[in-house]
PDB file of N, CA and C in Angstrom:
ATOM      1  N   UNK A   1      31.440  10.955  58.027  1.00  0.00           N
ATOM      2  CA  UNK A   1      30.366  11.338  57.128  1.00  0.00           C
ATOM      3  C   UNK A   1      29.882  12.743  57.502  1.00  0.00           C
ATOM      4  N   UNK A   2      29.673  13.560  56.520  1.00  0.00           N
ATOM      5  CA  UNK A   2      29.270  14.942  56.732  1.00  0.00           C
ATOM      6  C   UNK A   2      27.768  15.047  56.998  1.00  0.00           C
ATOM      7  N   UNK A   3      27.423  15.617  58.142  1.00  0.00           N
ATOM      8  CA  UNK A   3      26.012  15.850  58.465  1.00  0.00           C
ATOM      9  C   UNK A   3      25.647  17.251  57.991  1.00  0.00           C
ATOM     10  N   UNK A   4      24.572  17.367  57.308  1.00  0.00           N
ATOM     11  CA  UNK A   4      24.189  18.644  56.720  1.00  0.00           C
ATOM     12  C   UNK A   4      22.680  18.640  56.505  1.00  0.00           C
ATOM     13  N   UNK A   5      22.232  19.518  55.679  1.00  0.00           N
ATOM     14  CA  UNK A   5      20.821  19.568  55.306  1.00  0.00           C
ATOM     15  C   UNK A   5      20.678  19.094  53.868  1.00  0.00           C
ATOM     16  N   UNK A   6      19.909  18.051  53.695  1.00  0.00           N
ATOM     17  CA  UNK A   6      19.617  17.534  52.365  1.00  0.00           C
ATOM     18  C   UNK A   6      18.107  17.432  52.219  1.00  0.00           C
ATOM     19  N   UNK A   7      17.659  17.625  51.014  1.00  0.00           N
ATOM     20  CA  UNK A   7      16.224  17.631  50.750  1.00  0.00           C
ATOM     21  C   UNK A   7      15.903  16.743  49.560  1.00  0.00           C
ATOM     22  N   UNK A   8      14.897  15.920  49.728  1.00  0.00           N
ATOM     23  CA  UNK A   8      14.281  15.203  48.628  1.00  0.00           C
ATOM     24  C   UNK A   8      13.038  16.021  48.297  1.00  0.00           C
ATOM     25  N   UNK A   9      12.860  16.330  47.038  1.00  0.00           N
ATOM     26  CA  UNK A   9      11.775  17.239  46.674  1.00  0.00           C
ATOM     27  C   UNK A   9      11.053  16.752  45.431  1.00  0.00           C
ATOM     28  N   UNK A  10       9.840  17.233  45.293  1.00  0.00           N
ATOM     29  CA  UNK A  10       9.051  16.972  44.090  1.00  0.00           C
ATOM     30  C   UNK A  10       8.593  18.318  43.549  1.00  0.00           C
ATOM     31  N   UNK A  11       8.842  18.506  42.267  1.00  0.00           N
ATOM     32  CA  UNK A  11       8.329  19.691  41.586  1.00  0.00           C
ATOM     33  C   UNK A  11       7.316  19.243  40.540  1.00  0.00           C
ATOM     34  N   UNK A  12       6.547  20.201  40.093  1.00  0.00           N
ATOM     35  CA  UNK A  12       5.561  19.945  39.051  1.00  0.00           C
ATOM     36  C   UNK A  12       5.511  21.152  38.123  1.00  0.00           C
ATOM     37  N   UNK A  13       4.814  20.994  37.037  1.00  0.00           N
ATOM     38  CA  UNK A  13       4.628  22.126  36.128  1.00  0.00           C
ATOM     39  C   UNK A  13       3.418  22.945  36.601  1.00  0.00           C
ATOM     40  N   UNK A  14       3.223  24.139  36.057  1.00  0.00           N
ATOM     41  CA  UNK A  14       2.112  24.983  36.531  1.00  0.00           C
ATOM     42  C   UNK A  14       0.731  24.336  36.442  1.00  0.00           C
ATOM     43  N   UNK A  15       0.528  23.423  35.507  1.00  0.00           N
ATOM     44  CA  UNK A  15      -0.783  22.761  35.383  1.00  0.00           C
ATOM     45  C   UNK A  15      -0.883  21.474  36.198  1.00  0.00           C
ATOM     46  N   UNK A  16       0.208  21.130  36.906  1.00  0.00           N
ATOM     47  CA  UNK A  16       0.256  19.941  37.769  1.00  0.00           C
ATOM     48  C   UNK A  16      -0.014  18.640  36.998  1.00  0.00           C
ATOM     49  N   UNK A  17       0.607  18.522  35.832  1.00  0.00           N
ATOM     50  CA  UNK A  17       0.421  17.318  35.025  1.00  0.00           C
ATOM     51  C   UNK A  17       1.652  16.427  34.979  1.00  0.00           C
ATOM     52  N   UNK A  18       2.805  16.942  35.434  1.00  0.00           N
ATOM     53  CA  UNK A  18       4.057  16.188  35.413  1.00  0.00           C
ATOM     54  C   UNK A  18       4.732  16.345  36.775  1.00  0.00           C
ATOM     55  N   UNK A  19       5.355  15.270  37.260  1.00  0.00           N
ATOM     56  CA  UNK A  19       6.091  15.322  38.527  1.00  0.00           C
ATOM     57  C   UNK A  19       7.566  15.035  38.272  1.00  0.00           C
ATOM     58  N   UNK A  20       8.428  15.735  39.001  1.00  0.00           N
ATOM     59  CA  UNK A  20       9.867  15.514  38.938  1.00  0.00           C
ATOM     60  C   UNK A  20      10.386  15.377  40.362  1.00  0.00           C
ATOM     61  N   UNK A  21      11.171  14.353  40.630  1.00  0.00           N
ATOM     62  CA  UNK A  21      11.732  14.108  41.961  1.00  0.00           C
ATOM     63  C   UNK A  21      13.241  14.288  41.910  1.00  0.00           C
ATOM     64  N   UNK A  22      13.782  14.991  42.909  1.00  0.00           N
ATOM     65  CA  UNK A  22      15.217  15.210  42.968  1.00  0.00           C
ATOM     66  C   UNK A  22      15.714  15.290  44.396  1.00  0.00           C
ATOM     67  N   UNK A  23      17.029  15.464  44.548  1.00  0.00           N
ATOM     68  CA  UNK A  23      17.665  15.622  45.846  1.00  0.00           C
ATOM     69  C   UNK A  23      18.667  16.771  45.744  1.00  0.00           C
ATOM     70  N   UNK A  24      18.795  17.546  46.816  1.00  0.00           N
ATOM     71  CA  UNK A  24      19.693  18.695  46.822  1.00  0.00           C
ATOM     72  C   UNK A  24      20.118  19.029  48.241  1.00  0.00           C
ATOM     73  N   UNK A  25      21.168  19.806  48.358  1.00  0.00           N
ATOM     74  CA  UNK A  25      21.565  20.303  49.673  1.00  0.00           C
ATOM     75  C   UNK A  25      21.182  21.769  49.846  1.00  0.00           C
ATOM     76  N   UNK A  26      20.596  22.368  48.810  1.00  0.00           N
ATOM     77  CA  UNK A  26      20.118  23.745  48.909  1.00  0.00           C
ATOM     78  C   UNK A  26      18.839  23.868  48.093  1.00  0.00           C
ATOM     79  N   UNK A  27      17.728  23.739  48.764  1.00  0.00           N
ATOM     80  CA  UNK A  27      16.428  23.685  48.091  1.00  0.00           C
ATOM     81  C   UNK A  27      16.120  24.977  47.346  1.00  0.00           C
ATOM     82  N   UNK A  28      16.383  26.111  47.962  1.00  0.00           N
ATOM     83  CA  UNK A  28      16.063  27.389  47.333  1.00  0.00           C
ATOM     84  C   UNK A  28      16.847  27.583  46.027  1.00  0.00           C
ATOM     85  N   UNK A  29      18.131  27.306  46.066  1.00  0.00           N
ATOM     86  CA  UNK A  29      18.946  27.447  44.853  1.00  0.00           C
ATOM     87  C   UNK A  29      18.502  26.451  43.793  1.00  0.00           C
ATOM     88  N   UNK A  30      18.227  25.217  44.196  1.00  0.00           N
ATOM     89  CA  UNK A  30      17.850  24.189  43.222  1.00  0.00           C
ATOM     90  C   UNK A  30      16.533  24.523  42.533  1.00  0.00           C
ATOM     91  N   UNK A  31      15.567  25.003  43.283  1.00  0.00           N
ATOM     92  CA  UNK A  31      14.290  25.375  42.664  1.00  0.00           C
ATOM     93  C   UNK A  31      14.506  26.549  41.712  1.00  0.00           C
ATOM     94  N   UNK A  32      15.364  27.475  42.097  1.00  0.00           N
ATOM     95  CA  UNK A  32      15.712  28.582  41.194  1.00  0.00           C
ATOM     96  C   UNK A  32      16.348  28.085  39.910  1.00  0.00           C
ATOM     97  N   UNK A  33      17.198  27.072  40.004  1.00  0.00           N
ATOM     98  CA  UNK A  33      17.807  26.488  38.808  1.00  0.00           C
ATOM     99  C   UNK A  33      16.748  25.852  37.914  1.00  0.00           C
ATOM    100  N   UNK A  34      15.801  25.150  38.526  1.00  0.00           N
ATOM    101  CA  UNK A  34      14.715  24.560  37.732  1.00  0.00           C
ATOM    102  C   UNK A  34      13.936  25.660  37.014  1.00  0.00           C
ATOM    103  N   UNK A  35      13.693  26.764  37.704  1.00  0.00           N
ATOM    104  CA  UNK A  35      12.967  27.881  37.090  1.00  0.00           C
ATOM    105  C   UNK A  35      13.749  28.430  35.893  1.00  0.00           C
ATOM    106  N   UNK A  36      15.033  28.628  36.069  1.00  0.00           N
ATOM    107  CA  UNK A  36      15.860  29.173  34.987  1.00  0.00           C
ATOM    108  C   UNK A  36      15.975  28.205  33.814  1.00  0.00           C
ATOM    109  N   UNK A  37      15.865  26.907  34.067  1.00  0.00           N
ATOM    110  CA  UNK A  37      15.982  25.888  33.018  1.00  0.00           C
ATOM    111  C   UNK A  37      14.656  25.522  32.365  1.00  0.00           C
ATOM    112  N   UNK A  38      13.571  26.194  32.745  1.00  0.00           N
ATOM    113  CA  UNK A  38      12.263  25.826  32.180  1.00  0.00           C
ATOM    114  C   UNK A  38      12.302  25.961  30.655  1.00  0.00           C
ATOM    115  N   UNK A  39      11.757  24.955  29.999  1.00  0.00           N
ATOM    116  CA  UNK A  39      11.741  24.930  28.545  1.00  0.00           C
ATOM    117  C   UNK A  39      12.990  24.339  27.916  1.00  0.00           C
ATOM    118  N   UNK A  40      13.998  24.005  28.708  1.00  0.00           N
ATOM    119  CA  UNK A  40      15.254  23.437  28.200  1.00  0.00           C
ATOM    120  C   UNK A  40      15.055  21.944  27.943  1.00  0.00           C
ATOM    121  N   UNK A  41      15.089  21.560  26.692  1.00  0.00           N
ATOM    122  CA  UNK A  41      14.828  20.158  26.343  1.00  0.00           C
ATOM    123  C   UNK A  41      15.986  19.235  26.686  1.00  0.00           C
ATOM    124  N   UNK A  42      17.087  19.774  27.196  1.00  0.00           N
ATOM    125  CA  UNK A  42      18.238  18.941  27.563  1.00  0.00           C
ATOM    126  C   UNK A  42      18.091  18.274  28.923  1.00  0.00           C
ATOM    127  N   UNK A  43      17.075  18.640  29.699  1.00  0.00           N
ATOM    128  CA  UNK A  43      16.841  17.980  30.983  1.00  0.00           C
ATOM    129  C   UNK A  43      15.345  17.807  31.212  1.00  0.00           C
ATOM    130  N   UNK A  44      14.997  16.786  31.961  1.00  0.00           N
ATOM    131  CA  UNK A  44      13.588  16.411  32.147  1.00  0.00           C
ATOM    132  C   UNK A  44      12.794  17.522  32.825  1.00  0.00           C
ATOM    133  N   UNK A  45      13.305  18.055  33.922  1.00  0.00           N
ATOM    134  CA  UNK A  45      12.569  19.098  34.644  1.00  0.00           C
ATOM    135  C   UNK A  45      12.350  20.318  33.758  1.00  0.00           C
ATOM    136  N   UNK A  46      13.356  20.688  32.995  1.00  0.00           N
ATOM    137  CA  UNK A  46      13.232  21.835  32.103  1.00  0.00           C
ATOM    138  C   UNK A  46      12.278  21.573  30.952  1.00  0.00           C
ATOM    139  N   UNK A  47      12.402  20.420  30.356  1.00  0.00           N
ATOM    140  CA  UNK A  47      11.564  20.053  29.211  1.00  0.00           C
ATOM    141  C   UNK A  47      10.075  20.135  29.541  1.00  0.00           C
ATOM    142  N   UNK A  48       9.727  19.702  30.758  1.00  0.00           N
ATOM    143  CA  UNK A  48       8.323  19.663  31.156  1.00  0.00           C
ATOM    144  C   UNK A  48       7.923  20.789  32.107  1.00  0.00           C
ATOM    145  N   UNK A  49       8.790  21.793  32.227  1.00  0.00           N
ATOM    146  CA  UNK A  49       8.504  22.988  33.043  1.00  0.00           C
ATOM    147  C   UNK A  49       8.210  22.652  34.509  1.00  0.00           C
ATOM    148  N   UNK A  50       8.943  21.708  35.054  1.00  0.00           N
ATOM    149  CA  UNK A  50       8.754  21.297  36.453  1.00  0.00           C
ATOM    150  C   UNK A  50       9.605  22.173  37.372  1.00  0.00           C
ATOM    151  N   UNK A  51       9.097  23.337  37.678  1.00  0.00           N
ATOM    152  CA  UNK A  51       9.822  24.271  38.542  1.00  0.00           C
ATOM    153  C   UNK A  51       8.990  24.734  39.736  1.00  0.00           C
ATOM    154  N   UNK A  52       7.801  24.198  39.901  1.00  0.00           N
ATOM    155  CA  UNK A  52       6.935  24.559  41.019  1.00  0.00           C
ATOM    156  C   UNK A  52       7.093  23.512  42.127  1.00  0.00           C
ATOM    157  N   UNK A  53       7.633  23.925  43.265  1.00  0.00           N
ATOM    158  CA  UNK A  53       7.821  23.012  44.393  1.00  0.00           C
ATOM    159  C   UNK A  53       6.470  22.658  44.995  1.00  0.00           C
ATOM    160  N   UNK A  54       6.252  21.356  45.173  1.00  0.00           N
ATOM    161  CA  UNK A  54       4.971  20.908  45.710  1.00  0.00           C
ATOM    162  C   UNK A  54       5.136  20.004  46.940  1.00  0.00           C
ATOM    163  N   UNK A  55       6.383  19.512  47.161  1.00  0.00           N
ATOM    164  CA  UNK A  55       6.624  18.588  48.278  1.00  0.00           C
ATOM    165  C   UNK A  55       8.119  18.520  48.551  1.00  0.00           C
ATOM    166  N   UNK A  56       8.481  18.378  49.844  1.00  0.00           N
ATOM    167  CA  UNK A  56       9.872  18.103  50.177  1.00  0.00           C
ATOM    168  C   UNK A  56       9.976  17.425  51.533  1.00  0.00           C
ATOM    169  N   UNK A  57      11.086  16.726  51.723  1.00  0.00           N
ATOM    170  CA  UNK A  57      11.442  16.082  52.974  1.00  0.00           C
ATOM    171  C   UNK A  57      12.871  16.470  53.314  1.00  0.00           C
ATOM    172  N   UNK A  58      13.167  16.621  54.591  1.00  0.00           N
ATOM    173  CA  UNK A  58      14.509  16.997  55.046  1.00  0.00           C
ATOM    174  C   UNK A  58      15.238  15.778  55.609  1.00  0.00           C
ATOM    175  N   UNK A  59      16.530  15.688  55.301  1.00  0.00           N
ATOM    176  CA  UNK A  59      17.390  14.632  55.831  1.00  0.00           C
ATOM    177  C   UNK A  59      18.733  15.230  56.226  1.00  0.00           C
ATOM    178  N   UNK A  60      19.307  14.798  57.363  1.00  0.00           N
ATOM    179  CA  UNK A  60      20.625  15.284  57.757  1.00  0.00           C
ATOM    180  C   UNK A  60      21.768  14.515  57.092  1.00  0.00           C
ATOM    181  N   UNK A  61      21.448  13.439  56.380  1.00  0.00           N
ATOM    182  CA  UNK A  61      22.467  12.573  55.814  1.00  0.00           C
ATOM    183  C   UNK A  61      22.182  12.340  54.331  1.00  0.00           C
ATOM    184  N   UNK A  62      23.181  12.536  53.484  1.00  0.00           N
ATOM    185  CA  UNK A  62      22.997  12.410  52.039  1.00  0.00           C
ATOM    186  C   UNK A  62      22.615  10.993  51.631  1.00  0.00           C
ATOM    187  N   UNK A  63      23.157   9.982  52.298  1.00  0.00           N
ATOM    188  CA  UNK A  63      22.844   8.602  51.927  1.00  0.00           C
ATOM    189  C   UNK A  63      21.358   8.301  52.126  1.00  0.00           C
ATOM    190  N   UNK A  64      20.794   8.776  53.224  1.00  0.00           N
ATOM    191  CA  UNK A  64      19.361   8.573  53.461  1.00  0.00           C
ATOM    192  C   UNK A  64      18.523   9.352  52.434  1.00  0.00           C
ATOM    193  N   UNK A  65      18.973  10.549  52.110  1.00  0.00           N
ATOM    194  CA  UNK A  65      18.241  11.355  51.127  1.00  0.00           C
ATOM    195  C   UNK A  65      18.231  10.675  49.761  1.00  0.00           C
ATOM    196  N   UNK A  66      19.372  10.179  49.347  1.00  0.00           N
ATOM    197  CA  UNK A  66      19.454   9.498  48.043  1.00  0.00           C
ATOM    198  C   UNK A  66      18.591   8.239  48.032  1.00  0.00           C
ATOM    199  N   UNK A  67      18.626   7.489  49.119  1.00  0.00           N
ATOM    200  CA  UNK A  67      17.803   6.271  49.202  1.00  0.00           C
ATOM    201  C   UNK A  67      16.321   6.629  49.108  1.00  0.00           C
ATOM    202  N   UNK A  68      15.920   7.688  49.791  1.00  0.00           N
ATOM    203  CA  UNK A  68      14.510   8.104  49.757  1.00  0.00           C
ATOM    204  C   UNK A  68      14.120   8.609  48.370  1.00  0.00           C
ATOM    205  N   UNK A  69      15.017   9.339  47.720  1.00  0.00           N
ATOM    206  CA  UNK A  69      14.743   9.802  46.357  1.00  0.00           C
ATOM    207  C   UNK A  69      14.464   8.611  45.450  1.00  0.00           C
ATOM    208  N   UNK A  70      15.257   7.576  45.560  1.00  0.00           N
ATOM    209  CA  UNK A  70      15.060   6.378  44.740  1.00  0.00           C
ATOM    210  C   UNK A  70      13.722   5.708  45.052  1.00  0.00           C
ATOM    211  N   UNK A  71      13.364   5.653  46.342  1.00  0.00           N
ATOM    212  CA  UNK A  71      12.062   5.082  46.722  1.00  0.00           C
ATOM    213  C   UNK A  71      10.923   5.848  46.066  1.00  0.00           C
ATOM    214  N   UNK A  72      10.985   7.172  46.151  1.00  0.00           N
ATOM    215  CA  UNK A  72       9.914   7.994  45.586  1.00  0.00           C
ATOM    216  C   UNK A  72       9.871   7.848  44.078  1.00  0.00           C
ATOM    217  N   UNK A  73      11.025   7.829  43.431  1.00  0.00           N
ATOM    218  CA  UNK A  73      11.048   7.681  41.964  1.00  0.00           C
ATOM    219  C   UNK A  73      10.434   6.360  41.518  1.00  0.00           C
ATOM    220  N   UNK A  74      10.517   5.350  42.370  1.00  0.00           N
ATOM    221  CA  UNK A  74       9.953   4.041  42.026  1.00  0.00           C
ATOM    222  C   UNK A  74       8.435   3.967  42.225  1.00  0.00           C
ATOM    223  N   UNK A  75       7.848   4.960  42.877  1.00  0.00           N
ATOM    224  CA  UNK A  75       6.397   4.970  43.097  1.00  0.00           C
ATOM    225  C   UNK A  75       5.665   5.289  41.806  1.00  0.00           C
ATOM    226  N   UNK A  76       4.455   4.807  41.701  1.00  0.00           N
ATOM    227  CA  UNK A  76       3.599   5.198  40.582  1.00  0.00           C
ATOM    228  C   UNK A  76       3.208   6.673  40.767  1.00  0.00           C
ATOM    229  N   UNK A  77       2.741   7.295  39.722  1.00  0.00           N
ATOM    230  CA  UNK A  77       2.296   8.690  39.848  1.00  0.00           C
ATOM    231  C   UNK A  77       1.162   8.821  40.849  1.00  0.00           C
ATOM    232  N   UNK A  78       0.263   7.851  40.880  1.00  0.00           N
ATOM    233  CA  UNK A  78      -0.842   7.900  41.841  1.00  0.00           C
ATOM    234  C   UNK A  78      -0.318   7.885  43.270  1.00  0.00           C
ATOM    235  N   UNK A  79       0.676   7.044  43.534  1.00  0.00           N
ATOM    236  CA  UNK A  79       1.267   6.975  44.878  1.00  0.00           C
ATOM    237  C   UNK A  79       2.028   8.263  45.203  1.00  0.00           C
ATOM    238  N   UNK A  80       2.677   8.851  44.219  1.00  0.00           N
ATOM    239  CA  UNK A  80       3.374  10.130  44.447  1.00  0.00           C
ATOM    240  C   UNK A  80       2.366  11.218  44.821  1.00  0.00           C
ATOM    241  N   UNK A  81       1.247  11.266  44.118  1.00  0.00           N
ATOM    242  CA  UNK A  81       0.225  12.263  44.441  1.00  0.00           C
ATOM    243  C   UNK A  81      -0.343  12.021  45.842  1.00  0.00           C
ATOM    244  N   UNK A  82      -0.490  10.764  46.231  1.00  0.00           N
ATOM    245  CA  UNK A  82      -0.946  10.458  47.595  1.00  0.00           C
ATOM    246  C   UNK A  82       0.076  10.942  48.615  1.00  0.00           C
ATOM    247  N   UNK A  83       1.345  10.726  48.350  1.00  0.00           N
ATOM    248  CA  UNK A  83       2.403  11.192  49.240  1.00  0.00           C
ATOM    249  C   UNK A  83       2.372  12.709  49.367  1.00  0.00           C
ATOM    250  N   UNK A  84       2.266  13.383  48.255  1.00  0.00           N
ATOM    251  CA  UNK A  84       2.206  14.850  48.261  1.00  0.00           C
ATOM    252  C   UNK A  84       1.003  15.322  49.075  1.00  0.00           C
ATOM    253  N   UNK A  85      -0.147  14.731  48.811  1.00  0.00           N
ATOM    254  CA  UNK A  85      -1.381  15.134  49.502  1.00  0.00           C
ATOM    255  C   UNK A  85      -1.326  14.852  51.003  1.00  0.00           C
ATOM    256  N   UNK A  86      -0.499  13.898  51.434  1.00  0.00           N
ATOM    257  CA  UNK A  86      -0.403  13.596  52.860  1.00  0.00           C
ATOM    258  C   UNK A  86       0.193  14.765  53.649  1.00  0.00           C
ATOM    259  N   UNK A  87       1.008  15.571  53.005  1.00  0.00           N
ATOM    260  CA  UNK A  87       1.607  16.736  53.667  1.00  0.00           C
ATOM    261  C   UNK A  87       1.118  18.060  53.083  1.00  0.00           C
ATOM    262  N   UNK A  88       0.555  18.008  51.916  1.00  0.00           N
ATOM    263  CA  UNK A  88       0.113  19.210  51.207  1.00  0.00           C
ATOM    264  C   UNK A  88      -1.255  18.907  50.594  1.00  0.00           C
ATOM    265  N   UNK A  89      -2.300  18.780  51.444  1.00  0.00           N
ATOM    266  CA  UNK A  89      -3.597  18.281  50.965  1.00  0.00           C
ATOM    267  C   UNK A  89      -4.259  19.143  49.896  1.00  0.00           C
ATOM    268  N   UNK A  90      -3.944  20.418  49.842  1.00  0.00           N
ATOM    269  CA  UNK A  90      -4.547  21.278  48.819  1.00  0.00           C
ATOM    270  C   UNK A  90      -3.673  21.403  47.576  1.00  0.00           C
ATOM    271  N   UNK A  91      -2.557  20.681  47.588  1.00  0.00           N
ATOM    272  CA  UNK A  91      -1.616  20.665  46.452  1.00  0.00           C
ATOM    273  C   UNK A  91      -1.154  22.071  46.066  1.00  0.00           C
ATOM    274  N   UNK A  92      -0.935  22.886  47.088  1.00  0.00           N
ATOM    275  CA  UNK A  92      -0.449  24.237  46.856  1.00  0.00           C
ATOM    276  C   UNK A  92       1.025  24.227  46.470  1.00  0.00           C
ATOM    277  N   UNK A  93       1.423  25.196  45.670  1.00  0.00           N
ATOM    278  CA  UNK A  93       2.826  25.366  45.370  1.00  0.00           C
ATOM    279  C   UNK A  93       3.483  25.935  46.635  1.00  0.00           C
ATOM    280  N   UNK A  94       4.678  25.462  46.946  1.00  0.00           N
ATOM    281  CA  UNK A  94       5.387  25.874  48.140  1.00  0.00           C
ATOM    282  C   UNK A  94       6.401  26.945  47.763  1.00  0.00           C
ATOM    283  N   UNK A  95       6.353  28.068  48.464  1.00  0.00           N
ATOM    284  CA  UNK A  95       7.294  29.152  48.243  1.00  0.00           C
ATOM    285  C   UNK A  95       8.343  29.101  49.339  1.00  0.00           C
ATOM    286  N   UNK A  96       9.602  29.094  48.949  1.00  0.00           N
ATOM    287  CA  UNK A  96      10.684  29.051  49.939  1.00  0.00           C
ATOM    288  C   UNK A  96      11.549  30.300  49.854  1.00  0.00           C
TER     289      UNK A  96
END
């Protein structure tokens, strides 16, 4: 199994009204892709302008990252906001 850097992340739109959860092996490139896709109705993150990084977790193993992504996606929005606030209490956008 390949050990690498994987990230589970949550993005939001500029008004912080929508959350999007994903997994990637290159956070900087992936957030850039979300930015370039803003307004694209063919994907959820683009449709709702979810290109502002607000939370992420690092994993060395893709299987653990995917499992965690699924856990987070199953949370209610209130629980997701609690998770975000646990590491980012001011809900600041994260610049990478």
